[in-house]
C-alpha atoms as a PDB file:
ATOM      1  CA  MET A   1     110.225 129.970  85.888  1.00  0.00           C
ATOM      2  CA  GLY A   2     107.794 127.413  84.039  1.00  0.00           C
ATOM      3  CA  ILE A   3     105.450 124.998  85.362  1.00  0.00           C
ATOM      4  CA  GLY A   4     108.204 122.124  85.695  1.00  0.00           C
ATOM      5  CA  ARG A   5     110.106 124.420  87.883  1.00  0.00           C
ATOM      6  CA  ALA A   6     107.214 125.354  89.859  1.00  0.00           C
ATOM      7  CA  HIS A   7     106.228 121.561  90.551  1.00  0.00           C
ATOM      8  CA  GLN A   8     109.803 120.807  91.433  1.00  0.00           C
ATOM      9  CA  GLN A   9     109.765 123.681  93.989  1.00  0.00           C
ATOM     10  CA  ALA A  10     106.486 122.448  95.359  1.00  0.00           C
ATOM     11  CA  PHE A  11     107.950 118.924  95.821  1.00  0.00           C
ATOM     12  CA  LYS A  12     111.090 120.196  97.541  1.00  0.00           C
ATOM     13  CA  ALA A  13     108.656 122.216  99.796  1.00  0.00           C
ATOM     14  CA  MET A  14     106.790 119.046 100.671  1.00  0.00           C
ATOM     15  CA  MET A  15     109.965 117.340 101.227  1.00  0.00           C
ATOM     16  CA  ARG A  16     111.151 119.845 103.944  1.00  0.00           C
ATOM     17  CA  VAL A  17     107.949 119.200 105.753  1.00  0.00           C
ATOM     18  CA  MET A  18     107.194 115.697 105.286  1.00  0.00           C
ATOM     19  CA  GLY A  19     110.398 113.992 104.340  1.00  0.00           C
ATOM     20  CA  GLN A  20     111.176 110.600 105.974  1.00  0.00           C
ATOM     21  CA  THR A  21     114.329 108.508 106.242  1.00  0.00           C
ATOM     22  CA  ILE A  22     113.853 105.576 103.985  1.00  0.00           C
ATOM     23  CA  ILE A  23     115.911 102.503 104.342  1.00  0.00           C
ATOM     24  CA  VAL A  24     117.023 100.869 100.938  1.00  0.00           C
ATOM     25  CA  ASN A  25     117.485  97.060 101.410  1.00  0.00           C
ATOM     26  CA  GLU A  26     119.311  95.414  98.418  1.00  0.00           C
ATOM     27  CA  LYS A  27     119.479  91.584  98.221  1.00  0.00           C
ATOM     28  CA  PHE A  28     116.839  91.532 101.013  1.00  0.00           C
ATOM     29  CA  ASN A  29     116.996  88.486 103.355  1.00  0.00           C
ATOM     30  CA  THR A  30     120.106  87.082 101.608  1.00  0.00           C
ATOM     31  CA  PRO A  31     123.769  86.637 102.990  1.00  0.00           C
ATOM     32  CA  GLU A  32     124.779  89.375 100.586  1.00  0.00           C
ATOM     33  CA  ALA A  33     122.102  91.998 101.999  1.00  0.00           C
ATOM     34  CA  THR A  34     123.078  95.458 101.949  1.00  0.00           C
ATOM     35  CA  TYR A  35     121.363  98.670 102.951  1.00  0.00           C
ATOM     36  CA  TYR A  36     121.640 102.483 103.103  1.00  0.00           C
ATOM     37  CA  GLU A  37     119.382 105.306 104.024  1.00  0.00           C
ATOM     38  CA  VAL A  38     118.101 108.163 101.898  1.00  0.00           C
ATOM     39  CA  LYS A  39     115.511 111.050 102.269  1.00  0.00           C
ATOM     40  CA  GLY A  40     112.142 110.148 100.588  1.00  0.00           C
ATOM     41  CA  LEU A  41     108.454 110.445 100.841  1.00  0.00           C
ATOM     42  CA  LYS A  42     106.042 107.418 101.104  1.00  0.00           C
ATOM     43  CA  ASN A  43     102.773 108.334  99.327  1.00  0.00           C
ATOM     44  CA  THR A  44      99.653 106.551  97.875  1.00  0.00           C
ATOM     45  CA  ALA A  45      98.420 106.604  94.092  1.00  0.00           C
ATOM     46  CA  GLY A  46      95.323 108.226  92.961  1.00  0.00           C
ATOM     47  CA  LYS A  47      91.770 108.537  94.743  1.00  0.00           C
ATOM     48  CA  SER A  48      90.569 105.184  95.817  1.00  0.00           C
ATOM     49  CA  SER A  49      93.528 103.343  95.251  1.00  0.00           C
ATOM     50  CA  SER A  50      95.738 101.278  97.595  1.00  0.00           C
ATOM     51  CA  GLN A  51      99.072 101.456  95.401  1.00  0.00           C
ATOM     52  CA  VAL A  52     101.884 102.895  97.197  1.00  0.00           C
ATOM     53  CA  VAL A  53     104.795 104.678  95.773  1.00  0.00           C
ATOM     54  CA  PHE A  54     107.855 106.100  97.148  1.00  0.00           C
ATOM     55  CA  GLN A  55     109.188 109.479  95.796  1.00  0.00           C
ATOM     56  CA  PHE A  56     112.970 110.817  96.245  1.00  0.00           C
ATOM     57  CA  PRO A  57     114.258 114.480  95.458  1.00  0.00           C
ATOM     58  CA  ASP A  58     117.491 112.777  93.951  1.00  0.00           C
ATOM     59  CA  GLN A  59     117.854 110.719  90.846  1.00  0.00           C
ATOM     60  CA  LEU A  60     118.690 107.519  92.552  1.00  0.00           C
ATOM     61  CA  GLU A  61     119.773 104.102  91.326  1.00  0.00           C
ATOM     62  CA  ILE A  62     117.284 101.876  93.146  1.00  0.00           C
ATOM     63  CA  PRO A  63     116.927  98.638  91.410  1.00  0.00           C
ATOM     64  CA  VAL A  64     113.674  96.578  90.699  1.00  0.00           C
ATOM     65  CA  GLY A  65     113.536  93.947  93.682  1.00  0.00           C
ATOM     66  CA  ALA A  66     115.086  96.394  96.038  1.00  0.00           C
ATOM     67  CA  VAL A  67     113.037  96.375  99.398  1.00  0.00           C
ATOM     68  CA  LEU A  68     112.146  99.921 101.018  1.00  0.00           C
ATOM     69  CA  GLN A  69     111.231 100.716 104.703  1.00  0.00           C
ATOM     70  CA  VAL A  70     110.322 103.850 106.340  1.00  0.00           C
ATOM     71  CA  LYS A  71     112.796 104.038 109.256  1.00  0.00           C
ATOM     72  CA  GLY A  72     110.940 103.185 112.377  1.00  0.00           C
ATOM     73  CA  SER A  73     108.239 101.206 110.665  1.00  0.00           C
ATOM     74  CA  ARG A  74     107.771  97.443 110.445  1.00  0.00           C
ATOM     75  CA  ASP A  75     106.300  97.549 106.972  1.00  0.00           C
ATOM     76  CA  TYR A  76     108.351  96.433 103.840  1.00  0.00           C
ATOM     77  CA  TRP A  77     107.844  97.389 100.280  1.00  0.00           C
ATOM     78  CA  ARG A  78     109.363  95.731  97.194  1.00  0.00           C
ATOM     79  CA  VAL A  79     110.041  97.878  94.287  1.00  0.00           C
ATOM     80  CA  THR A  80     108.199  96.867  91.153  1.00  0.00           C
ATOM     81  CA  ASP A  81     109.253  99.869  88.915  1.00  0.00           C
ATOM     82  CA  THR A  82     110.938 102.994  88.758  1.00  0.00           C
ATOM     83  CA  GLU A  83     110.634 106.340  86.826  1.00  0.00           C
ATOM     84  CA  ASP A  84     112.286 109.689  86.669  1.00  0.00           C
ATOM     85  CA  ILE A  85     109.333 112.308  86.706  1.00  0.00           C
ATOM     86  CA  VAL A  86     110.370 115.173  84.372  1.00  0.00           C
ATOM     87  CA  GLU A  87     108.485 118.118  83.021  1.00  0.00           C
ATOM     88  CA  GLU A  88     109.301 120.523  80.540  1.00  0.00           C
ATOM     89  CA  ASP A  89     112.973 119.102  80.843  1.00  0.00           C
ATOM     90  CA  ILE A  90     113.053 119.815  84.469  1.00  0.00           C
ATOM     91  CA  PHE A  91     113.656 116.762  87.012  1.00  0.00           C
ATOM     92  CA  ILE A  92     110.784 116.660  89.508  1.00  0.00           C
ATOM     93  CA  ASN A  93     111.589 113.617  91.517  1.00  0.00           C
ATOM     94  CA  PHE A  94     112.510 109.890  91.338  1.00  0.00           C
ATOM     95  CA  GLU A  95     109.565 107.679  92.031  1.00  0.00           C
ATOM     96  CA  ALA A  96     109.616 103.862  92.917  1.00  0.00           C
ATOM     97  CA  ARG A  97     106.367 101.871  92.658  1.00  0.00           C
ATOM     98  CA  VAL A  98     106.081  98.956  95.294  1.00  0.00           C
ATOM     99  CA  GLU A  99     104.091  96.231  96.584  1.00  0.00           C
ATOM    100  CA  LYS A 100     103.888  95.277 100.217  1.00  0.00           C
ATOM    101  CA  ILE A 101     105.783  92.038 101.337  1.00  0.00           C
ATOM    102  CA  ASN A 102     106.392  90.173 104.668  1.00  0.00           C
ATOM    103  CA  LEU A 103     109.830  89.049 105.953  1.00  0.00           C
ATOM    104  CA  ALA A 104     109.700  85.903 103.896  1.00  0.00           C
ATOM    105  CA  GLY A 105     109.510  88.138 100.743  1.00  0.00           C
ATOM    106  CA  GLN A 106     105.821  87.203  99.980  1.00  0.00           C
ATOM    107  CA  PRO A 107     103.202  89.625  98.932  1.00  0.00           C
ATOM    108  CA  THR A 108     100.731  90.553 101.652  1.00  0.00           C
ATOM    109  CA  ARG A 109      98.027  92.221  99.424  1.00  0.00           C
ATOM    110  CA  PRO A 110      96.768  91.646  95.812  1.00  0.00           C
ATOM    111  CA  THR A 111      98.241  93.734  93.117  1.00  0.00           C
ATOM    112  CA  LEU A 112      95.674  96.288  91.821  1.00  0.00           C
ATOM    113  CA  LYS A 113      95.587  96.324  88.094  1.00  0.00           C
ATOM    114  CA  GLY A 114      94.935  99.442  86.234  1.00  0.00           C
ATOM    115  CA  SER A 115      95.957 102.023  89.178  1.00  0.00           C
ATOM    116  CA  ASN A 116      97.227 105.290  88.197  1.00  0.00           C
ATOM    117  CA  THR A 117     100.488 106.148  89.371  1.00  0.00           C
ATOM    118  CA  PHE A 118     100.559 109.221  91.712  1.00  0.00           C
ATOM    119  CA  ASN A 119     102.644 112.205  90.905  1.00  0.00           C
ATOM    120  CA  LEU A 120     102.800 115.471  92.615  1.00  0.00           C
ATOM    121  CA  HIS A 121     101.219 117.241  89.688  1.00  0.00           C
ATOM    122  CA  GLY A 122      98.620 114.527  88.723  1.00  0.00           C
ATOM    123  CA  GLN A 123      94.945 114.447  89.273  1.00  0.00           C
ATOM    124  CA  HIS A 124      93.503 112.936  92.582  1.00  0.00           C
ATOM    125  CA  SER A 125      96.910 113.736  94.324  1.00  0.00           C
ATOM    126  CA  ARG A 126      96.984 112.439  97.956  1.00  0.00           C
ATOM    127  CA  VAL A 127      99.653 113.210 100.521  1.00  0.00           C
ATOM    128  CA  ASN A 128     100.628 110.753 103.455  1.00  0.00           C
ATOM    129  CA  ILE A 129     100.957 112.969 106.599  1.00  0.00           C
ATOM    130  CA  HIS A 130     102.529 109.743 108.333  1.00  0.00           C
ATOM    131  CA  SER A 131     103.935 106.471 107.340  1.00  0.00           C
ATOM    132  CA  GLN A 132     100.496 104.843 108.059  1.00  0.00           C
ATOM    133  CA  ASP A 133      97.742 105.664 105.723  1.00  0.00           C
ATOM    134  CA  ASN A 134      96.355 108.728 107.533  1.00  0.00           C
ATOM    135  CA  SER A 135      96.288 110.966 104.417  1.00  0.00           C
ATOM    136  CA  VAL A 136      94.591 114.101 103.219  1.00  0.00           C
ATOM    137  CA  ASN A 137      92.903 113.713  99.645  1.00  0.00           C
ATOM    138  CA  ILE A 138      92.435 116.915  98.276  1.00  0.00           C
ATOM    139  CA  SER A 139      90.932 115.393  94.907  1.00  0.00           C
ATOM    140  CA  HIS A 140      87.224 115.596  96.014  1.00  0.00           C
ATOM    141  CA  GLN A 141      87.416 119.331  96.603  1.00  0.00           C
ATOM    142  CA  THR A 142      86.201 122.050  94.245  1.00  0.00           C
ATOM    143  CA  THR A 143      88.515 124.937  93.375  1.00  0.00           C
ATOM    144  CA  GLU A 144      86.341 127.157  95.523  1.00  0.00           C
ATOM    145  CA  ASN A 145      86.644 124.602  98.518  1.00  0.00           C
ATOM    146  CA  VAL A 146      90.376 124.427  98.278  1.00  0.00           C
ATOM    147  CA  PHE A 147      90.822 128.350  98.362  1.00  0.00           C
ATOM    148  CA  ALA A 148      88.129 128.586 101.264  1.00  0.00           C
ATOM    149  CA  ASP A 149      89.749 125.722 103.237  1.00  0.00           C
ATOM    150  CA  MET A 150      93.251 127.186 102.811  1.00  0.00           C
ATOM    151  CA  ARG A 151      91.833 130.530 104.157  1.00  0.00           C
ATOM    152  CA  GLN A 152      90.376 128.764 107.394  1.00  0.00           C
ATOM    153  CA  VAL A 153      93.691 126.956 107.748  1.00  0.00           C
ATOM    154  CA  ILE A 154      95.502 129.980 107.443  1.00  0.00           C
ATOM    155  CA  GLN A 155      93.239 132.135 109.938  1.00  0.00           C
ATOM    156  CA  THR A 156      93.435 129.209 112.522  1.00  0.00           C
ATOM    157  CA  HIS A 157      97.034 128.329 112.504  1.00  0.00           C
ATOM    158  CA  ILE A 158      99.133 131.569 111.501  1.00  0.00           C
ATOM    159  CA  GLU A 159      99.307 133.448 114.579  1.00  0.00           C
ATOM    160  CA  ILE A 160     101.470 136.365 113.477  1.00  0.00           C
ATOM    161  CA  GLU A 161      99.128 138.961 112.083  1.00  0.00           C
ATOM    162  CA  GLN A 162     101.418 140.606 109.836  1.00  0.00           C
ATOM    163  CA  GLU A 163     102.405 137.155 108.217  1.00  0.00           C
ATOM    164  CA  ARG A 164      98.807 135.773 108.081  1.00  0.00           C
ATOM    165  CA  THR A 165      97.655 139.102 106.292  1.00  0.00           C
ATOM    166  CA  LEU A 166     100.397 138.900 103.770  1.00  0.00           C
ATOM    167  CA  ILE A 167      99.819 135.150 103.027  1.00  0.00           C
ATOM    168  CA  LEU A 168      95.934 135.844 102.806  1.00  0.00           C
ATOM    169  CA  ASN A 169      96.627 138.569 100.316  1.00  0.00           C
ATOM    170  CA  LYS A 170      98.863 136.556  98.183  1.00  0.00           C
ATOM    171  CA  LEU A 171      96.118 133.560  98.468  1.00  0.00           C
ATOM    172  CA  ASP A 172      93.593 136.522  96.980  1.00  0.00           C
ATOM    173  CA  GLU A 173      95.797 137.181  94.205  1.00  0.00           C
ATOM    174  CA  LEU A 174      96.364 133.439  93.411  1.00  0.00           C
ATOM    175  CA  GLU A 175      92.343 132.751  93.243  1.00  0.00           C
ATOM    176  CA  ALA A 176      91.910 135.761  91.188  1.00  0.00           C
ATOM    177  CA  ALA A 177      94.404 134.674  88.712  1.00  0.00           C
ATOM    178  CA  LYS A 178      92.934 131.026  88.271  1.00  0.00           C
ATOM    179  CA  GLY A 179      92.576 130.099  84.620  1.00  0.00           C
ATOM    180  CA  THR A 180      94.842 133.158  83.462  1.00  0.00           C
ATOM    181  CA  ASP A 181      98.327 133.492  82.204  1.00  0.00           C
ATOM    182  CA  SER A 182      99.512 134.919  85.573  1.00  0.00           C
ATOM    183  CA  PHE A 183      98.456 132.127  87.672  1.00  0.00           C
ATOM    184  CA  LEU A 184     102.025 130.743  87.547  1.00  0.00           C
ATOM    185  CA  GLN A 185     103.417 134.005  88.893  1.00  0.00           C
ATOM    186  CA  LYS A 186     100.769 134.233  91.532  1.00  0.00           C
ATOM    187  CA  TYR A 187     101.338 130.901  92.704  1.00  0.00           C
ATOM    188  CA  GLN A 188     105.144 131.336  92.896  1.00  0.00           C
ATOM    189  CA  GLY A 189     104.425 134.384  95.163  1.00  0.00           C
ATOM    190  CA  PHE A 190     102.212 132.704  97.177  1.00  0.00           C
ATOM    191  CA  ILE A 191     104.576 129.608  97.763  1.00  0.00           C
ATOM    192  CA  THR A 192     107.406 132.261  98.802  1.00  0.00           C
ATOM    193  CA  SER A 193     105.301 133.905 101.287  1.00  0.00           C
ATOM    194  CA  ALA A 194     104.165 130.795 102.773  1.00  0.00           C
ATOM    195  CA  ALA A 195     107.428 128.989 102.916  1.00  0.00           C
ATOM    196  CA  ASN A 196     107.844 129.246 106.493  1.00  0.00           C
ATOM    197  CA  HIS A 197     104.084 127.712 107.220  1.00  0.00           C
ATOM    198  CA  MET A 198     104.507 124.790 104.705  1.00  0.00           C
ATOM    199  CA  SER A 199     103.732 122.423 107.917  1.00  0.00           C
ATOM    200  CA  VAL A 200      99.904 123.462 107.694  1.00  0.00           C
ATOM    201  CA  LEU A 201      99.571 124.275 104.010  1.00  0.00           C
ATOM    202  CA  SER A 202     101.566 121.429 102.226  1.00  0.00           C
ATOM    203  CA  PRO A 203      98.520 119.098 102.216  1.00  0.00           C
ATOM    204  CA  PHE A 204      96.972 121.732  99.511  1.00  0.00           C
ATOM    205  CA  ILE A 205      99.921 121.903  97.441  1.00  0.00           C
ATOM    206  CA  PRO A 206      98.965 118.977  94.976  1.00  0.00           C
ATOM    207  CA  ALA A 207      95.537 120.695  94.307  1.00  0.00           C
ATOM    208  CA  LEU A 208      97.245 123.945  93.613  1.00  0.00           C
ATOM    209  CA  THR A 209      99.646 122.364  91.152  1.00  0.00           C
ATOM    210  CA  GLN A 210      96.878 120.516  89.554  1.00  0.00           C
ATOM    211  CA  MET A 211      95.694 124.087  88.539  1.00  0.00           C
ATOM    212  CA  LEU A 212      98.976 124.916  87.038  1.00  0.00           C
ATOM    213  CA  GLY A 213      98.296 122.625  84.179  1.00  0.00           C
ATOM    214  CA  GLY A 214      94.833 123.969  83.862  1.00  0.00           C
END
């Protein structure tokens, strides 16, 4: 399995843990308005950016101008551009870039020019834990800090000793393989061993996937 497949696997793991119900409104605030619900993930763009993107595990046909809403939220986001994220001929996710609007359809914040679009495998990856802007920014961490922080989380939150020991061993192997040809294989082994604990480890996945391309 190559890097593209590994990135796809990581995105699916994030979706299992943090996936949200997204309402897609077409012809918003018109008599012809229609809507439907899909699974997706609301994220922010790169470090120090307020650009918001929605990501979906399927290749959807969401048109520019459609309005997205996290179910249960009062915020509305108009789609300004869409893109299939593909790596090594592997589809990773469908992405919609958006601007925030009010009920009248007017933008509520200025558009930032020059923003870098968030991709799961890109630099300064940032993951929203909730629909609000309470996110975990991994981009400022050094490689050493990422592994040290992961060990602390594993020691604190994984109670079953046998599982904790296995995951820590896999993490040791992953860190030792950083910068070598075996890193991808060790990454896959770590993801498999930690699959049942992505609720606490998923904020670190973007940092690890950056290393896949290193």
